[in-house]
Amino acid sequence: MAAGNWTELEVGDGSRMRTYTCGTGACGAIILQEAFGVNAHIQDVADRLAGEGYRCIAPELYHRTAPEFVGDYSDFRTAMPHLNAMRDEGQDQDLRACAAWLAEHNVSEMVAVGFCMGGRVAIRAAAALELRAAASFYGGRLPSLRERIAAISAPLLLVWGDKDEHIPPSQRAEFADLLRAQGKDFVECTFSAADHGFFCDARPSYHARSARLAWSLLISFLREPLRATSA
């Protein structure tokens, strides 16, 4: 059961954005939704991270077109109009609003964790905000963010399912090569038995063993990001 609260923020473009918030830690975590909204799964991720000592905020990224939207994993079509309506500047404004809220609550550092659609937004967050680390779980179309890579200063964790037909190996490799070309710090982990969405226990593609290992990796990475300059 969700342990947090719903908090409404004003975004830079004047829109109002509902967010799920929980935790009281000194490090902030921005949890970025799948295409299906800030649903029970995303709330559960936030609650679990709060249990690890993070103050968490999960913004409703569809707030401009569908406030309080929660989709059905078996019907992606209902999410498509809202996904297609998202704009880069709007995402950046949403991220800045989350960061401002965390700063108001005296966090010392921030991280971002995103899933599927949110996995891509987590990479945007690493370019738009000063983060300690960012994690992207099966984020799609990451090579399209090539123009943002230079602005990334946080180490990245990239998590993939090897059976994921939505994100082919060539796309994953292309993004990794783009990061290498600009000397960015990242850790990449591919789970051979996992498909797209494997971390979510509400999806048919949920793979429990991979999800458990991915969680352990995520917590370790967020606590101590691997930097090329580390001793």
C-alpha atoms as a PDB file:
ATOM      1  CA  MET A   1       0.000   0.000   0.000  1.00  0.00           C
ATOM      2  CA  ALA A   2       1.262   3.447  -0.900  1.00  0.00           C
ATOM      3  CA  ALA A   3       2.747   5.325   2.037  1.00  0.00           C
ATOM      4  CA  GLY A   4       3.131   8.773   0.543  1.00  0.00           C
ATOM      5  CA  ASN A   5       1.089  11.851  -0.299  1.00  0.00           C
ATOM      6  CA  TRP A   6      -0.028  13.750  -3.370  1.00  0.00           C
ATOM      7  CA  THR A   7       1.551  17.181  -3.689  1.00  0.00           C
ATOM      8  CA  GLU A   8       0.680  19.717  -6.369  1.00  0.00           C
ATOM      9  CA  LEU A   9       3.440  21.893  -7.825  1.00  0.00           C
ATOM     10  CA  GLU A  10       3.364  24.922 -10.080  1.00  0.00           C
ATOM     11  CA  VAL A  11       5.508  24.431 -13.188  1.00  0.00           C
ATOM     12  CA  GLY A  12       7.379  27.176 -15.040  1.00  0.00           C
ATOM     13  CA  ASP A  13       4.803  27.364 -17.845  1.00  0.00           C
ATOM     14  CA  GLY A  14       2.020  28.063 -15.340  1.00  0.00           C
ATOM     15  CA  SER A  15       0.574  24.548 -15.384  1.00  0.00           C
ATOM     16  CA  ARG A  16      -0.127  22.590 -12.201  1.00  0.00           C
ATOM     17  CA  MET A  17       1.473  19.171 -11.757  1.00  0.00           C
ATOM     18  CA  ARG A  18       0.423  16.525  -9.263  1.00  0.00           C
ATOM     19  CA  THR A  19       3.291  14.526  -7.781  1.00  0.00           C
ATOM     20  CA  TYR A  20       3.532  11.517  -5.500  1.00  0.00           C
ATOM     21  CA  THR A  21       5.877  12.318  -2.625  1.00  0.00           C
ATOM     22  CA  CYS A  22       7.254  10.209   0.213  1.00  0.00           C
ATOM     23  CA  GLY A  23      10.282   9.820   2.454  1.00  0.00           C
ATOM     24  CA  THR A  24      12.317  12.179   4.593  1.00  0.00           C
ATOM     25  CA  GLY A  25      15.889  11.505   3.524  1.00  0.00           C
ATOM     26  CA  ALA A  26      18.648  14.045   2.919  1.00  0.00           C
ATOM     27  CA  CYS A  27      19.090  12.825  -0.667  1.00  0.00           C
ATOM     28  CA  GLY A  28      16.295  13.447  -3.129  1.00  0.00           C
ATOM     29  CA  ALA A  29      15.094  11.006  -5.775  1.00  0.00           C
ATOM     30  CA  ILE A  30      12.982  11.884  -8.814  1.00  0.00           C
ATOM     31  CA  ILE A  31      11.050   8.796  -9.940  1.00  0.00           C
ATOM     32  CA  LEU A  32       9.962   8.984 -13.576  1.00  0.00           C
ATOM     33  CA  GLN A  33       6.929   7.086 -14.785  1.00  0.00           C
ATOM     34  CA  GLU A  34       6.334   4.597 -17.535  1.00  0.00           C
ATOM     35  CA  ALA A  35       3.818   5.535 -20.236  1.00  0.00           C
ATOM     36  CA  PHE A  36       1.058   4.324 -17.908  1.00  0.00           C
ATOM     37  CA  GLY A  37       1.207   7.106 -15.345  1.00  0.00           C
ATOM     38  CA  VAL A  38       2.178   7.406 -11.704  1.00  0.00           C
ATOM     39  CA  ASN A  39       0.461   4.138 -10.949  1.00  0.00           C
ATOM     40  CA  ALA A  40       0.805   1.659  -8.093  1.00  0.00           C
ATOM     41  CA  HIS A  41       4.094   0.360  -9.489  1.00  0.00           C
ATOM     42  CA  ILE A  42       5.741   3.784  -9.657  1.00  0.00           C
ATOM     43  CA  GLN A  43       4.410   4.636  -6.205  1.00  0.00           C
ATOM     44  CA  ASP A  44       5.845   1.362  -4.913  1.00  0.00           C
ATOM     45  CA  VAL A  45       9.273   2.180  -6.371  1.00  0.00           C
ATOM     46  CA  ALA A  46       9.132   5.575  -4.653  1.00  0.00           C
ATOM     47  CA  ASP A  47       8.093   3.967  -1.355  1.00  0.00           C
ATOM     48  CA  ARG A  48      10.922   1.443  -1.585  1.00  0.00           C
ATOM     49  CA  LEU A  49      13.465   4.159  -2.274  1.00  0.00           C
ATOM     50  CA  ALA A  50      12.055   6.165   0.635  1.00  0.00           C
ATOM     51  CA  GLY A  51      12.766   3.095   2.751  1.00  0.00           C
ATOM     52  CA  GLU A  52      16.382   3.303   1.596  1.00  0.00           C
ATOM     53  CA  GLY A  53      16.650   6.856   2.916  1.00  0.00           C
ATOM     54  CA  TYR A  54      15.555   9.033  -0.024  1.00  0.00           C
ATOM     55  CA  ARG A  55      13.024  11.852  -0.156  1.00  0.00           C
ATOM     56  CA  CYS A  56      11.117  10.902  -3.302  1.00  0.00           C
ATOM     57  CA  ILE A  57       8.983  12.724  -5.809  1.00  0.00           C
ATOM     58  CA  ALA A  58       7.224  11.113  -8.791  1.00  0.00           C
ATOM     59  CA  PRO A  59       5.727  13.710 -11.163  1.00  0.00           C
ATOM     60  CA  GLU A  60       2.699  13.130 -13.365  1.00  0.00           C
ATOM     61  CA  LEU A  61       4.315  13.847 -16.716  1.00  0.00           C
ATOM     62  CA  TYR A  62       0.958  13.885 -18.511  1.00  0.00           C
ATOM     63  CA  HIS A  63      -0.411  16.665 -16.314  1.00  0.00           C
ATOM     64  CA  ARG A  64      -0.943  19.004 -19.271  1.00  0.00           C
ATOM     65  CA  THR A  65      -3.218  16.610 -21.172  1.00  0.00           C
ATOM     66  CA  ALA A  66      -4.445  14.005 -18.676  1.00  0.00           C
ATOM     67  CA  PRO A  67      -4.120  14.864 -14.972  1.00  0.00           C
ATOM     68  CA  GLU A  68      -4.282  11.766 -12.756  1.00  0.00           C
ATOM     69  CA  PHE A  69      -3.987   9.455 -15.777  1.00  0.00           C
ATOM     70  CA  VAL A  70      -3.387   5.780 -14.978  1.00  0.00           C
ATOM     71  CA  GLY A  71      -3.310   3.456 -17.971  1.00  0.00           C
ATOM     72  CA  ASP A  72      -3.842  -0.252 -18.413  1.00  0.00           C
ATOM     73  CA  TYR A  73      -0.750  -2.284 -19.280  1.00  0.00           C
ATOM     74  CA  SER A  74      -2.849  -4.253 -21.764  1.00  0.00           C
ATOM     75  CA  ASP A  75      -3.982  -1.127 -23.645  1.00  0.00           C
ATOM     76  CA  PHE A  76      -1.064   1.059 -24.698  1.00  0.00           C
ATOM     77  CA  ARG A  77      -3.274   2.957 -27.149  1.00  0.00           C
ATOM     78  CA  THR A  78      -4.891   4.973 -24.365  1.00  0.00           C
ATOM     79  CA  ALA A  79      -1.492   6.368 -23.382  1.00  0.00           C
ATOM     80  CA  MET A  80      -0.335   7.229 -26.893  1.00  0.00           C
ATOM     81  CA  PRO A  81      -2.049  10.631 -27.301  1.00  0.00           C
ATOM     82  CA  HIS A  82      -0.515  11.871 -24.043  1.00  0.00           C
ATOM     83  CA  LEU A  83       2.884  10.403 -24.809  1.00  0.00           C
ATOM     84  CA  ASN A  84       2.886  12.061 -28.224  1.00  0.00           C
ATOM     85  CA  ALA A  85       1.803  15.391 -26.738  1.00  0.00           C
ATOM     86  CA  MET A  86       4.863  15.632 -24.476  1.00  0.00           C
ATOM     87  CA  ARG A  87       7.436  18.246 -25.452  1.00  0.00           C
ATOM     88  CA  ASP A  88      11.098  18.541 -24.494  1.00  0.00           C
ATOM     89  CA  GLU A  89      10.776  21.969 -22.885  1.00  0.00           C
ATOM     90  CA  GLY A  90       7.788  20.801 -20.886  1.00  0.00           C
ATOM     91  CA  GLN A  91       9.736  17.823 -19.561  1.00  0.00           C
ATOM     92  CA  ASP A  92      12.611  20.093 -18.552  1.00  0.00           C
ATOM     93  CA  GLN A  93      10.194  22.416 -16.754  1.00  0.00           C
ATOM     94  CA  ASP A  94       8.661  19.460 -14.926  1.00  0.00           C
ATOM     95  CA  LEU A  95      12.101  18.259 -13.846  1.00  0.00           C
ATOM     96  CA  ARG A  96      13.095  21.707 -12.626  1.00  0.00           C
ATOM     97  CA  ALA A  97       9.875  21.947 -10.602  1.00  0.00           C
ATOM     98  CA  CYS A  98      10.681  18.628  -8.929  1.00  0.00           C
ATOM     99  CA  ALA A  99      14.242  19.727  -8.198  1.00  0.00           C
ATOM    100  CA  ALA A 100      12.967  22.994  -6.702  1.00  0.00           C
ATOM    101  CA  TRP A 101      10.570  21.098  -4.438  1.00  0.00           C
ATOM    102  CA  LEU A 102      13.356  18.827  -3.258  1.00  0.00           C
ATOM    103  CA  ALA A 103      15.619  21.824  -2.642  1.00  0.00           C
ATOM    104  CA  GLU A 104      12.881  23.398  -0.518  1.00  0.00           C
ATOM    105  CA  HIS A 105      13.005  20.260   1.614  1.00  0.00           C
ATOM    106  CA  ASN A 106      16.729  20.618   2.249  1.00  0.00           C
ATOM    107  CA  VAL A 107      18.032  17.678   0.268  1.00  0.00           C
ATOM    108  CA  SER A 108      21.810  17.640  -0.096  1.00  0.00           C
ATOM    109  CA  GLU A 109      21.954  15.747  -3.420  1.00  0.00           C
ATOM    110  CA  MET A 110      19.564  14.378  -6.016  1.00  0.00           C
ATOM    111  CA  VAL A 111      19.260  11.287  -8.189  1.00  0.00           C
ATOM    112  CA  ALA A 112      16.801  10.332 -10.928  1.00  0.00           C
ATOM    113  CA  VAL A 113      15.381   6.896 -11.720  1.00  0.00           C
ATOM    114  CA  GLY A 114      13.123   6.266 -14.719  1.00  0.00           C
ATOM    115  CA  PHE A 115      11.370   3.349 -16.365  1.00  0.00           C
ATOM    116  CA  CYS A 116      10.481   2.872 -20.040  1.00  0.00           C
ATOM    117  CA  MET A 117       9.312   6.340 -21.143  1.00  0.00           C
ATOM    118  CA  GLY A 118      10.682   7.647 -17.857  1.00  0.00           C
ATOM    119  CA  GLY A 119      14.002   5.981 -18.571  1.00  0.00           C
ATOM    120  CA  ARG A 120      14.467   8.439 -21.400  1.00  0.00           C
ATOM    121  CA  VAL A 121      13.344  11.333 -19.185  1.00  0.00           C
ATOM    122  CA  ALA A 122      15.916  10.248 -16.579  1.00  0.00           C
ATOM    123  CA  ILE A 123      18.653  10.858 -19.145  1.00  0.00           C
ATOM    124  CA  ARG A 124      17.155  14.283 -19.835  1.00  0.00           C
ATOM    125  CA  ALA A 125      17.243  14.895 -16.070  1.00  0.00           C
ATOM    126  CA  ALA A 126      20.950  14.076 -15.996  1.00  0.00           C
ATOM    127  CA  ALA A 127      21.503  16.827 -18.559  1.00  0.00           C
ATOM    128  CA  ALA A 128      19.048  19.387 -17.147  1.00  0.00           C
ATOM    129  CA  LEU A 129      19.819  19.064 -13.414  1.00  0.00           C
ATOM    130  CA  GLU A 130      22.794  18.697 -11.102  1.00  0.00           C
ATOM    131  CA  LEU A 131      22.468  15.050 -10.093  1.00  0.00           C
ATOM    132  CA  ARG A 132      24.622  12.632  -8.171  1.00  0.00           C
ATOM    133  CA  ALA A 133      23.485   9.775 -10.424  1.00  0.00           C
ATOM    134  CA  ALA A 134      20.741   8.779 -12.846  1.00  0.00           C
ATOM    135  CA  ALA A 135      19.343   5.359 -13.730  1.00  0.00           C
ATOM    136  CA  SER A 136      17.420   4.438 -16.878  1.00  0.00           C
ATOM    137  CA  PHE A 137      15.524   1.155 -16.989  1.00  0.00           C
ATOM    138  CA  TYR A 138      14.799   0.107 -20.591  1.00  0.00           C
ATOM    139  CA  GLY A 139      14.554   3.687 -21.810  1.00  0.00           C
ATOM    140  CA  GLY A 140      13.612   3.948 -25.472  1.00  0.00           C
ATOM    141  CA  ARG A 141      15.089   6.087 -28.254  1.00  0.00           C
ATOM    142  CA  LEU A 142      18.060   7.191 -26.157  1.00  0.00           C
ATOM    143  CA  PRO A 143      20.267   7.948 -29.197  1.00  0.00           C
ATOM    144  CA  SER A 144      17.830  10.758 -30.042  1.00  0.00           C
ATOM    145  CA  LEU A 145      19.207  12.564 -26.986  1.00  0.00           C
ATOM    146  CA  ARG A 146      22.671  12.870 -28.553  1.00  0.00           C
ATOM    147  CA  GLU A 147      22.533  16.680 -28.371  1.00  0.00           C
ATOM    148  CA  ARG A 148      22.024  16.499 -24.607  1.00  0.00           C
ATOM    149  CA  ILE A 149      24.950  14.217 -23.824  1.00  0.00           C
ATOM    150  CA  ALA A 150      27.534  16.987 -23.491  1.00  0.00           C
ATOM    151  CA  ALA A 151      25.532  18.497 -20.613  1.00  0.00           C
ATOM    152  CA  ILE A 152      25.456  15.246 -18.617  1.00  0.00           C
ATOM    153  CA  SER A 153      27.725  15.318 -15.582  1.00  0.00           C
ATOM    154  CA  ALA A 154      26.159  12.528 -13.499  1.00  0.00           C
ATOM    155  CA  PRO A 155      27.179   8.883 -13.855  1.00  0.00           C
ATOM    156  CA  LEU A 156      24.477   6.812 -15.559  1.00  0.00           C
ATOM    157  CA  LEU A 157      23.139   3.323 -14.942  1.00  0.00           C
ATOM    158  CA  LEU A 158      21.577   1.743 -18.034  1.00  0.00           C
ATOM    159  CA  VAL A 159      19.480  -1.372 -17.410  1.00  0.00           C
ATOM    160  CA  TRP A 160      18.203  -3.535 -20.263  1.00  0.00           C
ATOM    161  CA  GLY A 161      16.357  -6.776 -20.853  1.00  0.00           C
ATOM    162  CA  ASP A 162      18.083  -8.871 -23.505  1.00  0.00           C
ATOM    163  CA  LYS A 163      14.729 -10.173 -24.798  1.00  0.00           C
ATOM    164  CA  ASP A 164      13.384  -6.645 -25.252  1.00  0.00           C
ATOM    165  CA  GLU A 165      12.291  -6.346 -28.892  1.00  0.00           C
ATOM    166  CA  HIS A 166      11.191  -2.721 -28.354  1.00  0.00           C
ATOM    167  CA  ILE A 167      14.804  -1.630 -27.829  1.00  0.00           C
ATOM    168  CA  PRO A 168      17.130  -3.599 -30.119  1.00  0.00           C
ATOM    169  CA  PRO A 169      20.778  -4.242 -29.241  1.00  0.00           C
ATOM    170  CA  SER A 170      21.852  -1.860 -31.999  1.00  0.00           C
ATOM    171  CA  GLN A 171      20.034   1.017 -30.291  1.00  0.00           C
ATOM    172  CA  ARG A 172      21.570   0.216 -26.910  1.00  0.00           C
ATOM    173  CA  ALA A 173      25.033  -0.029 -28.449  1.00  0.00           C
ATOM    174  CA  GLU A 174      24.605   3.242 -30.313  1.00  0.00           C
ATOM    175  CA  PHE A 175      23.808   5.130 -27.132  1.00  0.00           C
ATOM    176  CA  ALA A 176      26.703   3.543 -25.260  1.00  0.00           C
ATOM    177  CA  ASP A 177      29.046   4.546 -28.081  1.00  0.00           C
ATOM    178  CA  LEU A 178      27.749   8.116 -27.924  1.00  0.00           C
ATOM    179  CA  LEU A 179      28.488   8.214 -24.193  1.00  0.00           C
ATOM    180  CA  ARG A 180      31.975   6.778 -24.696  1.00  0.00           C
ATOM    181  CA  ALA A 181      32.742   9.276 -27.435  1.00  0.00           C
ATOM    182  CA  GLN A 182      32.152  12.111 -24.965  1.00  0.00           C
ATOM    183  CA  GLY A 183      33.896  10.459 -22.039  1.00  0.00           C
ATOM    184  CA  LYS A 184      30.793  10.004 -19.901  1.00  0.00           C
ATOM    185  CA  ASP A 185      30.698   7.689 -16.887  1.00  0.00           C
ATOM    186  CA  PHE A 186      28.173   4.892 -17.137  1.00  0.00           C
ATOM    187  CA  VAL A 187      27.412   1.351 -16.077  1.00  0.00           C
ATOM    188  CA  GLU A 188      25.440  -0.863 -18.434  1.00  0.00           C
ATOM    189  CA  CYS A 189      23.729  -4.078 -17.331  1.00  0.00           C
ATOM    190  CA  THR A 190      21.747  -6.428 -19.553  1.00  0.00           C
ATOM    191  CA  PHE A 191      19.670  -9.215 -18.009  1.00  0.00           C
ATOM    192  CA  SER A 192      19.654 -12.136 -20.436  1.00  0.00           C
ATOM    193  CA  ALA A 193      16.379 -13.671 -19.209  1.00  0.00           C
ATOM    194  CA  ALA A 194      14.479 -10.382 -19.091  1.00  0.00           C
ATOM    195  CA  ASP A 195      12.086  -8.645 -21.480  1.00  0.00           C
ATOM    196  CA  HIS A 196      10.851  -5.060 -21.685  1.00  0.00           C
ATOM    197  CA  GLY A 197       9.262  -3.951 -18.404  1.00  0.00           C
ATOM    198  CA  PHE A 198      10.775  -6.846 -16.463  1.00  0.00           C
ATOM    199  CA  PHE A 199      11.122  -4.794 -13.272  1.00  0.00           C
ATOM    200  CA  CYS A 200       7.374  -4.179 -12.941  1.00  0.00           C
ATOM    201  CA  ASP A 201       5.476  -6.909 -11.086  1.00  0.00           C
ATOM    202  CA  ALA A 202       2.181  -5.737 -12.633  1.00  0.00           C
ATOM    203  CA  ARG A 203       3.338  -6.614 -16.159  1.00  0.00           C
ATOM    204  CA  PRO A 204       3.208 -10.041 -17.777  1.00  0.00           C
ATOM    205  CA  SER A 205       6.911  -9.553 -18.600  1.00  0.00           C
ATOM    206  CA  TYR A 206       7.879  -9.326 -14.913  1.00  0.00           C
ATOM    207  CA  HIS A 207      10.954 -11.441 -14.186  1.00  0.00           C
ATOM    208  CA  ALA A 208      11.393 -11.743 -10.440  1.00  0.00           C
ATOM    209  CA  ARG A 209      15.029 -12.835 -10.263  1.00  0.00           C
ATOM    210  CA  SER A 210      16.189 -10.175 -12.675  1.00  0.00           C
ATOM    211  CA  ALA A 211      14.119  -7.563 -10.832  1.00  0.00           C
ATOM    212  CA  ARG A 212      15.684  -8.481  -7.485  1.00  0.00           C
ATOM    213  CA  LEU A 213      19.185  -8.263  -8.906  1.00  0.00           C
ATOM    214  CA  ALA A 214      18.387  -5.003 -10.689  1.00  0.00           C
ATOM    215  CA  TRP A 215      17.123  -3.481  -7.437  1.00  0.00           C
ATOM    216  CA  SER A 216      20.308  -4.431  -5.606  1.00  0.00           C
ATOM    217  CA  LEU A 217      22.375  -2.960  -8.414  1.00  0.00           C
ATOM    218  CA  LEU A 218      20.305   0.232  -8.425  1.00  0.00           C
ATOM    219  CA  ILE A 219      20.669   0.808  -4.688  1.00  0.00           C
ATOM    220  CA  SER A 220      24.417   0.175  -4.786  1.00  0.00           C
ATOM    221  CA  PHE A 221      24.878   2.451  -7.786  1.00  0.00           C
ATOM    222  CA  LEU A 222      22.862   5.326  -6.331  1.00  0.00           C
ATOM    223  CA  ARG A 223      24.865   5.163  -3.110  1.00  0.00           C
ATOM    224  CA  GLU A 224      28.235   5.042  -4.823  1.00  0.00           C
ATOM    225  CA  PRO A 225      28.143   5.972  -8.520  1.00  0.00           C
ATOM    226  CA  LEU A 226      31.084   4.646 -10.493  1.00  0.00           C
ATOM    227  CA  ARG A 227      33.182   7.530 -11.755  1.00  0.00           C
ATOM    228  CA  ALA A 228      36.158   7.204 -14.055  1.00  0.00           C
ATOM    229  CA  THR A 229      38.174   9.458 -11.749  1.00  0.00           C
ATOM    230  CA  SER A 230      37.477   7.418  -8.606  1.00  0.00           C
ATOM    231  CA  ALA A 231      40.369   5.741  -6.827  1.00  0.00           C
END
